[in-house]
């Protein structure tokens, strides 16, 4: 099932809600006695991996930005681009902190 964003909420609120839903579902999967132990573990791990992928994606965006700025440093107005770099770094740090709060 695809994730759905509520247009009335900002991105962080939507992502936090989705992470919470995945944690609740992981817990439910891990305690579902109609499933074998192996199935419960597999389902719970799959849901946790989905949350971890958000962090990996944020890291990848930051690395991509850094490499692009380095490669095109002669052609890009770095001061104009620096707010984007700061935003990506802040987002990556917020996700890291959020993941620690969730766990």
N, C-alpha and C. Protein backbone atom coordinates (compact mmCIF):
# COMPACT_ATOMS: atom_id res chain seq x y z
N UNK A 1 0.84 -1.18 0.00
CA UNK A 1 0.00 0.00 0.00
C UNK A 1 0.88 1.24 0.00
N UNK A 2 0.53 2.21 -0.80
CA UNK A 2 1.30 3.45 -0.90
C UNK A 2 1.04 4.34 0.31
N UNK A 3 2.02 5.17 0.63
CA UNK A 3 1.83 6.14 1.69
C UNK A 3 1.03 7.30 1.14
N UNK A 4 0.20 7.87 1.99
CA UNK A 4 -0.61 9.01 1.56
C UNK A 4 -0.30 10.21 2.44
N UNK A 5 -0.08 11.35 1.77
CA UNK A 5 0.16 12.59 2.50
C UNK A 5 -1.14 13.36 2.63
N UNK A 6 -1.36 13.92 3.80
CA UNK A 6 -2.50 14.79 4.04
C UNK A 6 -2.06 16.19 3.63
N UNK A 7 -2.77 16.80 2.69
CA UNK A 7 -2.34 18.10 2.16
C UNK A 7 -2.46 19.22 3.20
N UNK A 8 -3.19 18.98 4.28
CA UNK A 8 -3.32 19.99 5.33
C UNK A 8 -2.11 19.99 6.28
N UNK A 9 -1.27 18.97 6.20
CA UNK A 9 -0.11 18.84 7.09
C UNK A 9 1.16 19.12 6.30
N UNK A 10 2.19 19.57 7.01
CA UNK A 10 3.47 19.77 6.33
C UNK A 10 4.18 18.42 6.17
N UNK A 11 5.28 18.44 5.47
CA UNK A 11 6.00 17.19 5.16
C UNK A 11 6.44 16.46 6.42
N UNK A 12 7.00 17.20 7.39
CA UNK A 12 7.47 16.56 8.62
C UNK A 12 6.34 15.87 9.37
N UNK A 13 5.19 16.53 9.44
CA UNK A 13 4.04 15.94 10.14
C UNK A 13 3.59 14.66 9.44
N UNK A 14 3.56 14.68 8.13
CA UNK A 14 3.17 13.49 7.38
C UNK A 14 4.17 12.36 7.57
N UNK A 15 5.46 12.69 7.51
CA UNK A 15 6.48 11.65 7.67
C UNK A 15 6.47 11.07 9.08
N UNK A 16 6.26 11.92 10.07
CA UNK A 16 6.19 11.43 11.45
C UNK A 16 4.98 10.49 11.63
N UNK A 17 3.85 10.87 11.03
CA UNK A 17 2.65 10.03 11.11
C UNK A 17 2.90 8.68 10.45
N UNK A 18 3.53 8.69 9.28
CA UNK A 18 3.82 7.44 8.57
C UNK A 18 4.77 6.57 9.38
N UNK A 19 5.79 7.17 9.97
CA UNK A 19 6.74 6.41 10.80
C UNK A 19 6.01 5.79 11.99
N UNK A 20 5.14 6.56 12.62
CA UNK A 20 4.37 6.04 13.75
C UNK A 20 3.50 4.87 13.32
N UNK A 21 2.82 5.02 12.18
CA UNK A 21 1.98 3.94 11.67
C UNK A 21 2.80 2.67 11.42
N UNK A 22 4.00 2.85 10.86
CA UNK A 22 4.85 1.69 10.58
C UNK A 22 5.29 1.01 11.87
N UNK A 23 5.60 1.80 12.90
CA UNK A 23 5.98 1.21 14.18
C UNK A 23 4.83 0.44 14.81
N UNK A 24 3.63 1.01 14.76
CA UNK A 24 2.46 0.32 15.31
C UNK A 24 2.22 -0.98 14.55
N UNK A 25 2.31 -0.92 13.23
CA UNK A 25 2.11 -2.13 12.43
C UNK A 25 3.21 -3.16 12.68
N UNK A 26 4.44 -2.69 12.88
CA UNK A 26 5.53 -3.62 13.19
C UNK A 26 5.26 -4.32 14.51
N UNK A 27 4.79 -3.58 15.49
CA UNK A 27 4.44 -4.19 16.78
C UNK A 27 3.30 -5.18 16.61
N UNK A 28 2.26 -4.76 15.89
CA UNK A 28 1.12 -5.66 15.65
C UNK A 28 1.57 -6.93 14.94
N UNK A 29 2.42 -6.78 13.94
CA UNK A 29 2.92 -7.95 13.21
C UNK A 29 3.71 -8.87 14.14
N UNK A 30 4.50 -8.27 15.02
CA UNK A 30 5.37 -9.08 15.89
C UNK A 30 4.58 -9.82 16.96
N UNK A 31 3.36 -9.40 17.22
CA UNK A 31 2.54 -10.05 18.25
C UNK A 31 1.37 -10.84 17.67
N UNK A 32 1.30 -10.93 16.36
CA UNK A 32 0.19 -11.65 15.69
C UNK A 32 0.44 -13.16 15.77
N UNK A 33 -0.26 -13.80 16.67
CA UNK A 33 -0.03 -15.23 16.90
C UNK A 33 -0.61 -16.12 15.82
N UNK A 34 -1.31 -15.54 14.82
CA UNK A 34 -1.78 -16.34 13.69
C UNK A 34 -0.64 -16.57 12.70
N UNK A 35 0.45 -15.83 12.87
CA UNK A 35 1.61 -15.97 12.00
C UNK A 35 2.68 -16.79 12.71
N UNK A 36 3.50 -17.46 11.91
CA UNK A 36 4.64 -18.18 12.51
C UNK A 36 5.64 -17.15 13.04
N UNK A 37 6.53 -17.60 13.89
CA UNK A 37 7.55 -16.71 14.44
C UNK A 37 8.37 -16.08 13.32
N UNK A 38 8.75 -16.88 12.33
CA UNK A 38 9.52 -16.37 11.20
C UNK A 38 8.78 -15.30 10.43
N UNK A 39 7.47 -15.50 10.21
CA UNK A 39 6.67 -14.50 9.49
C UNK A 39 6.55 -13.22 10.31
N UNK A 40 6.38 -13.35 11.61
CA UNK A 40 6.27 -12.17 12.47
C UNK A 40 7.55 -11.35 12.42
N UNK A 41 8.67 -12.03 12.52
CA UNK A 41 9.96 -11.34 12.49
C UNK A 41 10.17 -10.67 11.14
N UNK A 42 9.86 -11.40 10.07
CA UNK A 42 10.04 -10.84 8.72
C UNK A 42 9.19 -9.59 8.53
N UNK A 43 7.94 -9.63 8.91
CA UNK A 43 7.06 -8.47 8.72
C UNK A 43 7.51 -7.28 9.54
N UNK A 44 7.89 -7.52 10.78
CA UNK A 44 8.35 -6.43 11.64
C UNK A 44 9.64 -5.81 11.09
N UNK A 45 10.57 -6.65 10.64
CA UNK A 45 11.83 -6.14 10.08
C UNK A 45 11.58 -5.33 8.81
N UNK A 46 10.64 -5.79 7.98
CA UNK A 46 10.33 -5.08 6.74
C UNK A 46 9.83 -3.68 7.04
N UNK A 47 8.97 -3.56 8.02
CA UNK A 47 8.44 -2.23 8.38
C UNK A 47 9.54 -1.33 8.94
N UNK A 48 10.42 -1.88 9.73
CA UNK A 48 11.53 -1.09 10.27
C UNK A 48 12.46 -0.63 9.16
N UNK A 49 12.69 -1.49 8.18
CA UNK A 49 13.56 -1.12 7.05
C UNK A 49 12.97 0.04 6.27
N UNK A 50 11.64 0.11 6.18
CA UNK A 50 11.01 1.22 5.47
C UNK A 50 11.33 2.54 6.15
N UNK A 51 11.34 2.53 7.47
CA UNK A 51 11.66 3.77 8.20
C UNK A 51 13.13 4.13 8.03
N UNK A 52 13.99 3.14 8.06
CA UNK A 52 15.42 3.39 7.92
C UNK A 52 15.73 3.95 6.53
N UNK A 53 14.97 3.55 5.53
CA UNK A 53 15.23 4.03 4.18
C UNK A 53 15.05 5.54 4.08
N UNK A 54 14.18 6.14 4.90
CA UNK A 54 14.03 7.59 4.91
C UNK A 54 15.35 8.26 5.26
N UNK A 55 16.01 7.70 6.26
CA UNK A 55 17.29 8.26 6.69
C UNK A 55 18.34 8.11 5.60
N UNK A 56 18.37 6.96 4.97
CA UNK A 56 19.33 6.71 3.90
C UNK A 56 19.08 7.67 2.73
N UNK A 57 17.80 7.91 2.41
CA UNK A 57 17.47 8.83 1.32
C UNK A 57 17.92 10.25 1.64
N UNK A 58 17.74 10.67 2.89
CA UNK A 58 18.18 12.01 3.29
C UNK A 58 19.70 12.13 3.17
N UNK A 59 20.42 11.09 3.57
CA UNK A 59 21.88 11.09 3.43
C UNK A 59 22.28 11.19 1.97
N UNK A 60 21.61 10.43 1.13
CA UNK A 60 21.94 10.42 -0.30
C UNK A 60 21.70 11.79 -0.92
N UNK A 61 20.62 12.46 -0.55
CA UNK A 61 20.36 13.80 -1.08
C UNK A 61 21.46 14.77 -0.68
N UNK A 62 21.88 14.70 0.57
CA UNK A 62 22.96 15.58 1.03
C UNK A 62 24.26 15.32 0.31
N UNK A 63 24.59 14.05 0.13
CA UNK A 63 25.82 13.70 -0.59
C UNK A 63 25.76 14.14 -2.04
N UNK A 64 24.61 13.95 -2.65
CA UNK A 64 24.43 14.36 -4.05
C UNK A 64 24.61 15.87 -4.19
N UNK A 65 24.00 16.63 -3.29
CA UNK A 65 24.15 18.09 -3.31
C UNK A 65 25.63 18.47 -3.19
N UNK A 66 26.32 17.87 -2.22
CA UNK A 66 27.73 18.19 -2.01
C UNK A 66 28.56 17.90 -3.25
N UNK A 67 28.32 16.76 -3.88
CA UNK A 67 29.09 16.40 -5.07
C UNK A 67 28.78 17.31 -6.25
N UNK A 68 27.51 17.68 -6.40
CA UNK A 68 27.14 18.59 -7.49
C UNK A 68 27.77 19.97 -7.29
N UNK A 69 27.73 20.46 -6.06
CA UNK A 69 28.32 21.77 -5.79
C UNK A 69 29.83 21.74 -6.02
N UNK A 70 30.47 20.65 -5.65
CA UNK A 70 31.91 20.53 -5.86
C UNK A 70 32.23 20.46 -7.36
N UNK A 71 31.47 19.66 -8.08
CA UNK A 71 31.73 19.46 -9.51
C UNK A 71 31.48 20.74 -10.31
N UNK A 72 30.40 21.47 -9.96
CA UNK A 72 30.03 22.66 -10.71
C UNK A 72 30.40 23.96 -9.99
N UNK A 73 31.38 23.91 -9.12
CA UNK A 73 31.72 25.07 -8.29
C UNK A 73 32.05 26.32 -9.11
N UNK A 74 32.60 26.15 -10.30
CA UNK A 74 32.94 27.29 -11.15
C UNK A 74 31.72 27.86 -11.86
N UNK A 75 30.67 27.07 -11.97
CA UNK A 75 29.50 27.50 -12.74
C UNK A 75 28.29 27.87 -11.88
N UNK A 76 28.35 27.54 -10.61
CA UNK A 76 27.21 27.74 -9.73
C UNK A 76 27.50 28.89 -8.77
N UNK A 77 26.48 29.68 -8.50
CA UNK A 77 26.59 30.74 -7.50
C UNK A 77 26.41 30.09 -6.13
N UNK A 78 27.53 29.72 -5.51
CA UNK A 78 27.48 28.97 -4.25
C UNK A 78 26.72 29.68 -3.14
N UNK A 79 26.87 31.00 -2.97
CA UNK A 79 26.09 31.66 -1.93
C UNK A 79 24.57 31.52 -2.14
N UNK A 80 24.14 31.52 -3.39
CA UNK A 80 22.70 31.35 -3.66
C UNK A 80 22.25 29.92 -3.38
N UNK A 81 23.14 28.97 -3.55
CA UNK A 81 22.79 27.56 -3.35
C UNK A 81 22.95 27.10 -1.91
N UNK A 82 23.70 27.87 -1.11
CA UNK A 82 23.98 27.42 0.26
C UNK A 82 22.73 27.24 1.12
N UNK A 83 21.65 28.03 0.95
CA UNK A 83 20.46 27.77 1.76
C UNK A 83 19.89 26.35 1.51
N UNK A 84 19.98 25.90 0.28
CA UNK A 84 19.52 24.54 -0.02
C UNK A 84 20.39 23.51 0.70
N UNK A 85 21.69 23.72 0.66
CA UNK A 85 22.60 22.81 1.36
C UNK A 85 22.33 22.78 2.85
N UNK A 86 22.11 23.97 3.43
CA UNK A 86 21.79 24.04 4.86
C UNK A 86 20.49 23.31 5.17
N UNK A 87 19.49 23.50 4.30
CA UNK A 87 18.20 22.85 4.53
C UNK A 87 18.34 21.33 4.46
N UNK A 88 19.10 20.84 3.50
CA UNK A 88 19.31 19.39 3.40
C UNK A 88 20.03 18.85 4.63
N UNK A 89 21.01 19.59 5.12
CA UNK A 89 21.75 19.17 6.32
C UNK A 89 20.84 19.18 7.53
N UNK A 90 20.06 20.23 7.69
CA UNK A 90 19.13 20.31 8.82
C UNK A 90 18.10 19.18 8.76
N UNK A 91 17.62 18.89 7.56
CA UNK A 91 16.64 17.81 7.39
C UNK A 91 17.26 16.47 7.77
N UNK A 92 18.47 16.22 7.30
CA UNK A 92 19.16 14.97 7.62
C UNK A 92 19.36 14.85 9.13
N UNK A 93 19.78 15.93 9.77
CA UNK A 93 19.99 15.91 11.22
C UNK A 93 18.67 15.71 11.97
N UNK A 94 17.61 16.35 11.49
CA UNK A 94 16.30 16.20 12.14
C UNK A 94 15.81 14.76 12.03
N UNK A 95 16.01 14.14 10.88
CA UNK A 95 15.60 12.74 10.73
C UNK A 95 16.40 11.83 11.64
N UNK A 96 17.68 12.10 11.78
CA UNK A 96 18.51 11.29 12.67
C UNK A 96 18.02 11.44 14.12
N UNK A 97 17.74 12.67 14.52
CA UNK A 97 17.26 12.91 15.87
C UNK A 97 15.87 12.29 16.07
N UNK A 98 15.02 12.43 15.06
CA UNK A 98 13.68 11.86 15.13
C UNK A 98 13.73 10.35 15.26
N UNK A 99 14.61 9.73 14.51
CA UNK A 99 14.70 8.26 14.57
C UNK A 99 15.14 7.82 15.95
N UNK A 100 15.99 8.61 16.61
CA UNK A 100 16.39 8.27 17.97
C UNK A 100 15.23 8.45 18.94
N UNK A 101 14.38 9.46 18.70
CA UNK A 101 13.22 9.68 19.56
C UNK A 101 12.21 8.56 19.40
N UNK A 102 12.05 8.05 18.18
CA UNK A 102 11.08 6.99 17.92
C UNK A 102 11.53 5.69 18.57
N UNK A 103 12.84 5.40 18.48
CA UNK A 103 13.37 4.17 19.02
C UNK A 103 13.46 4.28 20.52
